[in-house]
N, C-alpha and C. Protein backbone atom coordinates (compact mmCIF):
# COMPACT_ATOMS: atom_id res chain seq x y z
N MET A 1 -30.17 4.26 -32.03
CA MET A 1 -29.58 3.67 -30.84
C MET A 1 -29.86 2.42 -30.45
N MET A 2 -30.45 1.74 -30.81
CA MET A 2 -30.32 0.52 -29.81
C MET A 2 -28.87 -0.25 -31.02
N ALA A 3 -28.96 0.27 -32.53
CA ALA A 3 -28.13 -0.34 -33.32
C ALA A 3 -26.64 -0.02 -32.94
N GLY A 4 -25.92 1.38 -32.29
CA GLY A 4 -25.17 2.31 -31.81
C GLY A 4 -24.77 1.32 -30.50
N VAL A 5 -25.63 0.81 -29.75
CA VAL A 5 -25.38 0.23 -28.22
C VAL A 5 -24.85 -1.32 -28.57
N TRP A 6 -25.37 -1.79 -29.62
CA TRP A 6 -25.22 -3.18 -30.35
C TRP A 6 -23.69 -3.46 -30.87
N ALA A 7 -23.37 -2.33 -31.32
CA ALA A 7 -22.50 -1.67 -31.91
C ALA A 7 -20.78 -1.30 -31.12
N TRP A 8 -20.93 -0.69 -30.02
CA TRP A 8 -20.30 -0.68 -29.01
C TRP A 8 -20.26 -2.09 -28.04
N ALA A 9 -21.18 -3.10 -28.26
CA ALA A 9 -20.71 -4.22 -27.26
C ALA A 9 -19.84 -5.02 -28.47
N GLN A 10 -20.34 -5.37 -29.44
CA GLN A 10 -19.46 -6.21 -29.92
C GLN A 10 -18.24 -5.09 -30.89
N GLN A 11 -17.43 -4.08 -30.86
CA GLN A 11 -16.69 -3.52 -31.03
C GLN A 11 -16.62 -2.27 -30.30
N PRO A 12 -15.59 -2.30 -29.60
CA PRO A 12 -15.42 -0.95 -28.44
C PRO A 12 -14.55 0.14 -29.32
N PRO A 13 -14.70 1.13 -29.48
CA PRO A 13 -14.01 2.00 -30.03
C PRO A 13 -12.66 2.06 -29.31
N ASP A 14 -11.82 2.83 -30.10
CA ASP A 14 -10.04 2.96 -29.05
C ASP A 14 -10.89 3.89 -28.72
N PRO A 15 -9.56 4.46 -27.34
CA PRO A 15 -9.15 5.30 -26.43
C PRO A 15 -9.36 6.59 -27.58
N GLY A 16 -9.08 6.80 -28.37
CA GLY A 16 -9.29 8.08 -29.02
C GLY A 16 -10.68 8.46 -29.75
N GLN A 17 -11.26 7.52 -29.86
CA GLN A 17 -12.80 7.38 -30.45
C GLN A 17 -13.34 8.31 -29.08
N LEU A 18 -12.66 7.53 -27.65
CA LEU A 18 -14.12 8.13 -26.66
C LEU A 18 -13.95 8.99 -26.21
N LYS A 19 -15.31 9.74 -25.76
CA LYS A 19 -15.65 10.90 -24.73
C LYS A 19 -15.37 10.48 -23.57
N GLU A 20 -15.47 11.68 -22.40
CA GLU A 20 -15.17 11.98 -21.42
C GLU A 20 -16.75 10.99 -20.42
N GLU A 21 -17.46 11.20 -21.58
CA GLU A 21 -18.61 11.07 -20.47
C GLU A 21 -19.64 9.42 -20.93
N ASP A 22 -18.11 8.55 -22.06
CA ASP A 22 -18.78 7.35 -21.84
C ASP A 22 -17.78 6.83 -21.04
N ALA A 23 -17.19 6.99 -19.67
CA ALA A 23 -16.88 6.51 -19.36
C ALA A 23 -17.59 6.59 -17.62
N GLY A 24 -18.52 7.60 -17.56
CA GLY A 24 -19.18 7.09 -16.60
C GLY A 24 -20.56 5.66 -16.41
N VAL A 25 -20.25 5.16 -18.13
CA VAL A 25 -21.28 4.10 -18.36
C VAL A 25 -20.90 2.69 -17.11
N THR A 26 -21.86 2.54 -16.47
CA THR A 26 -22.20 1.50 -15.30
C THR A 26 -22.16 0.22 -15.66
N VAL A 27 -22.07 -0.97 -15.78
CA VAL A 27 -22.80 -1.85 -15.67
C VAL A 27 -22.39 -2.99 -14.83
N ASP A 28 -23.74 -3.57 -14.40
CA ASP A 28 -22.82 -4.68 -13.30
C ASP A 28 -22.90 -5.66 -14.36
N LYS A 29 -21.39 -6.45 -13.57
CA LYS A 29 -20.61 -7.63 -14.19
C LYS A 29 -19.61 -7.96 -13.18
N GLU A 30 -19.33 -9.42 -12.93
CA GLU A 30 -18.64 -9.93 -12.38
C GLU A 30 -16.91 -9.76 -12.89
N TYR A 31 -16.37 -9.34 -11.64
CA TYR A 31 -14.71 -9.12 -12.16
C TYR A 31 -14.23 -10.50 -12.01
N ALA A 32 -13.32 -11.22 -12.05
CA ALA A 32 -12.38 -11.69 -11.97
C ALA A 32 -10.83 -11.18 -12.41
N PHE A 33 -9.79 -11.56 -11.54
CA PHE A 33 -8.33 -11.09 -12.40
C PHE A 33 -8.04 -11.24 -13.67
N ASN A 34 -7.71 -9.74 -14.16
CA ASN A 34 -7.13 -10.35 -15.40
C ASN A 34 -6.70 -9.04 -15.91
N PRO A 35 -5.52 -9.37 -15.59
CA PRO A 35 -4.52 -8.28 -16.16
C PRO A 35 -4.62 -7.38 -17.16
N LEU A 36 -4.87 -8.01 -18.03
CA LEU A 36 -5.20 -7.28 -19.89
C LEU A 36 -6.27 -6.86 -19.92
N GLN A 37 -7.15 -7.13 -18.82
CA GLN A 37 -8.15 -6.51 -19.23
C GLN A 37 -8.05 -4.64 -18.16
N ALA A 38 -7.36 -5.57 -17.05
CA ALA A 38 -6.66 -3.65 -16.22
C ALA A 38 -5.78 -3.34 -17.10
N GLU A 39 -5.06 -3.99 -17.85
CA GLU A 39 -3.69 -2.49 -18.51
C GLU A 39 -4.69 -1.63 -19.52
N LYS A 40 -5.86 -2.36 -20.16
CA LYS A 40 -6.06 -1.66 -20.88
C LYS A 40 -7.27 -0.77 -20.04
N GLU A 41 -7.88 -0.50 -19.22
CA GLU A 41 -8.49 0.40 -18.56
C GLU A 41 -7.71 1.26 -17.79
N LEU A 42 -6.43 1.20 -17.39
CA LEU A 42 -5.51 2.57 -17.20
C LEU A 42 -5.08 2.90 -18.03
N LYS A 43 -4.89 2.11 -19.51
CA LYS A 43 -4.26 3.29 -20.49
C LYS A 43 -5.23 4.47 -21.19
N THR A 44 -7.10 3.93 -20.83
CA THR A 44 -7.85 4.50 -21.71
C THR A 44 -8.01 5.88 -20.20
N GLY A 45 -7.83 5.28 -19.03
CA GLY A 45 -7.86 6.06 -17.61
C GLY A 45 -6.86 7.20 -18.10
N ASP A 46 -4.83 6.71 -18.80
CA ASP A 46 -4.31 7.88 -19.15
C ASP A 46 -4.49 8.34 -20.18
N PHE A 47 -5.67 7.95 -21.25
CA PHE A 47 -6.03 8.97 -22.46
C PHE A 47 -6.87 10.35 -21.51
N TYR A 48 -7.50 9.82 -20.83
CA TYR A 48 -8.59 10.41 -20.03
C TYR A 48 -7.79 11.75 -19.19
N ALA A 49 -6.47 11.09 -18.50
CA ALA A 49 -5.52 12.09 -17.79
C ALA A 49 -4.67 13.06 -18.56
N LYS A 50 -4.55 13.10 -19.61
CA LYS A 50 -3.89 13.53 -20.59
C LYS A 50 -4.50 14.96 -21.42
N LYS A 51 -6.03 14.55 -21.13
CA LYS A 51 -6.97 15.30 -21.69
C LYS A 51 -7.71 16.02 -20.40
N GLY A 52 -7.03 15.68 -19.18
CA GLY A 52 -7.18 16.90 -18.28
C GLY A 52 -8.59 16.12 -17.54
N ALA A 53 -9.55 15.42 -18.27
CA ALA A 53 -10.84 14.54 -18.09
C ALA A 53 -10.36 13.48 -16.54
N HIS A 54 -10.14 14.31 -15.36
CA HIS A 54 -9.88 13.73 -14.54
C HIS A 54 -10.57 12.64 -13.64
N LYS A 55 -11.81 12.90 -13.59
CA LYS A 55 -12.75 12.28 -12.49
C LYS A 55 -13.24 11.40 -14.04
N ALA A 56 -13.34 10.77 -15.12
CA ALA A 56 -12.86 10.15 -16.20
C ALA A 56 -12.02 9.33 -15.89
N ALA A 57 -10.64 9.79 -15.55
CA ALA A 57 -9.38 9.40 -15.28
C ALA A 57 -9.84 8.25 -14.54
N ALA A 58 -10.46 8.61 -12.90
CA ALA A 58 -10.43 8.45 -11.56
C ALA A 58 -10.91 7.63 -11.91
N GLY A 59 -12.02 7.08 -12.91
CA GLY A 59 -12.95 6.08 -12.95
C GLY A 59 -12.71 4.49 -13.77
N ARG A 60 -11.88 5.16 -14.57
CA ARG A 60 -11.00 3.93 -15.65
C ARG A 60 -9.64 3.28 -14.53
N TYR A 61 -9.46 4.36 -13.47
CA TYR A 61 -8.51 3.27 -12.82
C TYR A 61 -9.05 2.92 -11.70
N GLU A 62 -10.09 3.19 -11.09
CA GLU A 62 -10.93 2.38 -10.81
C GLU A 62 -11.09 0.79 -11.00
N GLU A 63 -11.70 1.10 -12.16
CA GLU A 63 -12.26 0.04 -13.33
C GLU A 63 -10.50 -1.05 -13.26
N ALA A 64 -10.11 -0.89 -13.34
CA ALA A 64 -8.70 -1.55 -13.80
C ALA A 64 -8.32 -1.76 -12.51
N LEU A 65 -8.83 -1.27 -11.26
CA LEU A 65 -8.08 -2.08 -9.74
C LEU A 65 -9.77 -2.92 -9.52
N LYS A 66 -10.58 -3.18 -10.08
CA LYS A 66 -11.30 -4.43 -10.29
C LYS A 66 -10.68 -5.08 -10.25
N TRP A 67 -10.26 -5.49 -12.35
CA TRP A 67 -9.41 -6.48 -12.70
C TRP A 67 -8.18 -6.50 -11.78
N ASN A 68 -7.95 -5.96 -11.52
CA ASN A 68 -5.62 -6.33 -10.75
C ASN A 68 -6.35 -5.31 -9.18
N PRO A 69 -6.42 -6.36 -8.37
CA PRO A 69 -7.04 -4.73 -7.15
C PRO A 69 -4.88 -4.58 -6.69
N GLY A 70 -3.74 -5.38 -7.25
CA GLY A 70 -2.75 -5.12 -6.42
C GLY A 70 -1.58 -4.34 -7.86
N LEU A 71 -2.35 -4.13 -8.58
CA LEU A 71 -1.70 -2.59 -9.77
C LEU A 71 -1.19 -1.94 -8.99
N ALA A 72 0.33 -1.96 -8.90
CA ALA A 72 0.14 -0.76 -8.08
C ALA A 72 -0.10 0.94 -9.07
N GLU A 73 0.67 0.66 -10.11
CA GLU A 73 0.82 2.14 -11.10
C GLU A 73 -0.54 2.48 -11.07
N ALA A 74 -1.73 1.37 -10.92
CA ALA A 74 -3.74 1.83 -11.20
C ALA A 74 -3.80 3.23 -9.84
N TRP A 75 -3.28 2.17 -8.67
CA TRP A 75 -3.77 2.80 -7.13
C TRP A 75 -2.89 4.13 -7.08
N ARG A 76 -1.38 4.54 -8.12
CA ARG A 76 -0.23 5.15 -7.52
C ARG A 76 -1.36 6.85 -8.93
N LYS A 77 -2.02 6.75 -9.88
CA LYS A 77 -2.49 7.46 -10.95
C LYS A 77 -3.38 7.59 -10.78
N LEU A 78 -4.58 6.78 -10.06
CA LEU A 78 -5.76 6.91 -9.17
C LEU A 78 -5.77 8.04 -8.01
N ALA A 79 -4.95 7.45 -7.22
CA ALA A 79 -4.48 9.05 -6.35
C ALA A 79 -4.10 10.35 -6.57
N VAL A 80 -3.28 10.39 -7.66
CA VAL A 80 -3.10 11.37 -8.66
C VAL A 80 -4.14 11.90 -9.10
N SER A 81 -5.32 11.18 -9.34
CA SER A 81 -6.27 11.81 -10.36
C SER A 81 -7.50 13.02 -9.26
N ARG A 82 -7.09 12.02 -8.38
CA ARG A 82 -8.36 11.84 -6.78
C ARG A 82 -7.70 13.84 -6.40
N GLU A 83 -6.39 13.64 -6.49
CA GLU A 83 -5.60 15.22 -6.00
C GLU A 83 -6.36 16.32 -6.76
N LYS A 84 -6.01 15.66 -8.37
CA LYS A 84 -6.58 16.79 -8.85
C LYS A 84 -8.09 17.30 -8.90
N LEU A 85 -8.83 16.53 -8.50
CA LEU A 85 -9.87 16.50 -8.58
C LEU A 85 -10.56 17.55 -6.87
N LYS A 86 -9.17 17.70 -6.12
CA LYS A 86 -9.44 17.75 -5.17
C LYS A 86 -10.05 17.40 -3.41
N ASP A 87 -10.38 15.73 -3.84
CA ASP A 87 -10.52 15.12 -2.65
C ASP A 87 -9.59 14.49 -2.47
N GLU A 88 -8.67 14.73 -1.35
CA GLU A 88 -7.53 14.58 -0.32
C GLU A 88 -8.30 13.07 0.41
N LYS A 89 -8.97 12.97 0.83
CA LYS A 89 -9.26 12.33 1.44
C LYS A 89 -9.18 10.70 0.66
N ALA A 90 -9.90 11.08 -0.38
CA ALA A 90 -9.50 9.71 -0.78
C ALA A 90 -7.97 9.45 -1.86
N ALA A 91 -7.33 10.38 -2.14
CA ALA A 91 -6.19 10.78 -2.27
C ALA A 91 -5.12 9.94 -1.27
N VAL A 92 -5.47 10.30 -0.41
CA VAL A 92 -4.88 9.04 0.74
C VAL A 92 -5.30 8.00 0.77
N GLU A 93 -6.29 7.58 0.57
CA GLU A 93 -6.18 6.11 0.66
C GLU A 93 -6.12 5.82 -0.16
N ALA A 94 -6.06 6.08 -1.55
CA ALA A 94 -4.85 5.48 -2.61
C ALA A 94 -3.64 5.05 -2.49
N TRP A 95 -3.47 6.45 -2.45
CA TRP A 95 -1.40 6.19 -2.04
C TRP A 95 -1.25 5.01 -0.78
N LYS A 96 -2.20 4.76 0.12
CA LYS A 96 -1.71 4.12 1.01
C LYS A 96 -1.80 2.52 0.26
N LYS A 97 -2.53 2.19 -0.06
CA LYS A 97 -3.16 1.53 -1.66
C LYS A 97 -1.82 1.49 -2.35
N TYR A 98 -1.74 2.01 -2.69
CA TYR A 98 -0.11 2.27 -3.66
C TYR A 98 0.97 1.87 -2.61
N LEU A 99 1.29 1.72 -1.42
CA LEU A 99 1.87 1.79 -0.78
C LEU A 99 2.28 0.42 -0.23
N GLU A 100 0.63 -0.23 -0.50
CA GLU A 100 0.43 -1.90 0.18
C GLU A 100 1.14 -2.39 -1.03
N ALA A 101 0.66 -2.37 -2.29
CA ALA A 101 1.01 -2.93 -3.54
C ALA A 101 2.46 -2.94 -4.10
N ASP A 102 2.89 -1.58 -3.86
CA ASP A 102 4.14 -1.58 -4.19
C ASP A 102 5.22 -0.64 -2.40
N PRO A 103 5.50 -1.70 -2.10
CA PRO A 103 6.36 -0.90 -0.30
C PRO A 103 7.72 -0.59 -0.55
N GLU A 104 8.19 -1.08 -1.41
CA GLU A 104 9.33 -0.49 -2.12
C GLU A 104 9.42 -0.04 -3.26
N ALA A 105 8.64 1.17 -3.88
CA ALA A 105 8.66 2.14 -4.56
C ALA A 105 9.37 3.49 -4.67
N LYS A 106 10.27 3.20 -5.40
CA LYS A 106 11.09 4.85 -5.84
C LYS A 106 10.38 5.97 -5.05
N ASP A 107 9.45 5.90 -4.92
CA ASP A 107 8.92 7.48 -4.37
C ASP A 107 8.25 6.78 -3.40
N ALA A 108 8.65 6.12 -2.22
CA ALA A 108 8.06 5.73 -1.40
C ALA A 108 7.86 6.19 -0.13
N GLY A 109 9.12 7.10 0.04
CA GLY A 109 9.32 8.12 1.05
C GLY A 109 8.51 9.16 0.98
N LYS A 110 8.85 9.87 -0.40
CA LYS A 110 8.02 11.13 -0.80
C LYS A 110 6.31 11.10 -0.31
N ILE A 111 5.66 9.84 -0.16
CA ILE A 111 4.12 9.48 -0.40
C ILE A 111 3.94 9.30 0.67
N ARG A 112 5.07 8.61 1.94
CA ARG A 112 4.67 8.26 3.19
C ARG A 112 4.98 9.60 3.88
N LYS A 113 5.60 10.77 3.54
CA LYS A 113 5.76 11.70 4.02
C LYS A 113 4.55 12.64 3.58
N ARG A 114 4.15 12.79 1.90
CA ARG A 114 2.92 13.25 1.48
C ARG A 114 1.35 12.66 2.86
N ILE A 115 1.84 10.98 3.03
CA ILE A 115 0.26 10.83 4.05
C ILE A 115 0.55 11.22 5.32
N LYS A 116 1.56 11.35 5.99
CA LYS A 116 2.00 12.00 7.05
C LYS A 116 1.49 13.77 7.10
N SER A 117 1.50 14.20 6.45
CA SER A 117 1.46 15.34 6.47
C SER A 117 -0.01 16.48 5.84
N SER A 118 -0.81 14.68 5.80
CA SER A 118 -1.76 15.39 5.08
C SER A 118 -3.50 14.68 5.98
């Protein structure tokens, strides 16, 4: 078992090898602005979202935002994942953060209407 953990720490698997339960693994770590790590987490979240694993996807989008809180795309995808999970309150909060990160987004008007109606 320990050998598997050690191998994971040294060489993380590519997103195609990840399982949904792997997304819930939490490790205390310090976060500093790291757009490359944020993009990596975003892509892993996309992998889970495509599989319909929205809870895992939301976790990866949240992780991406810890590395880059201004990443509008991650806020948008987090909001969509939370909607799929039927967590409207959390979705609205993510939509608001999305608009803060990108107030001139192409879909900003539509999102503002969505927030008002909720």
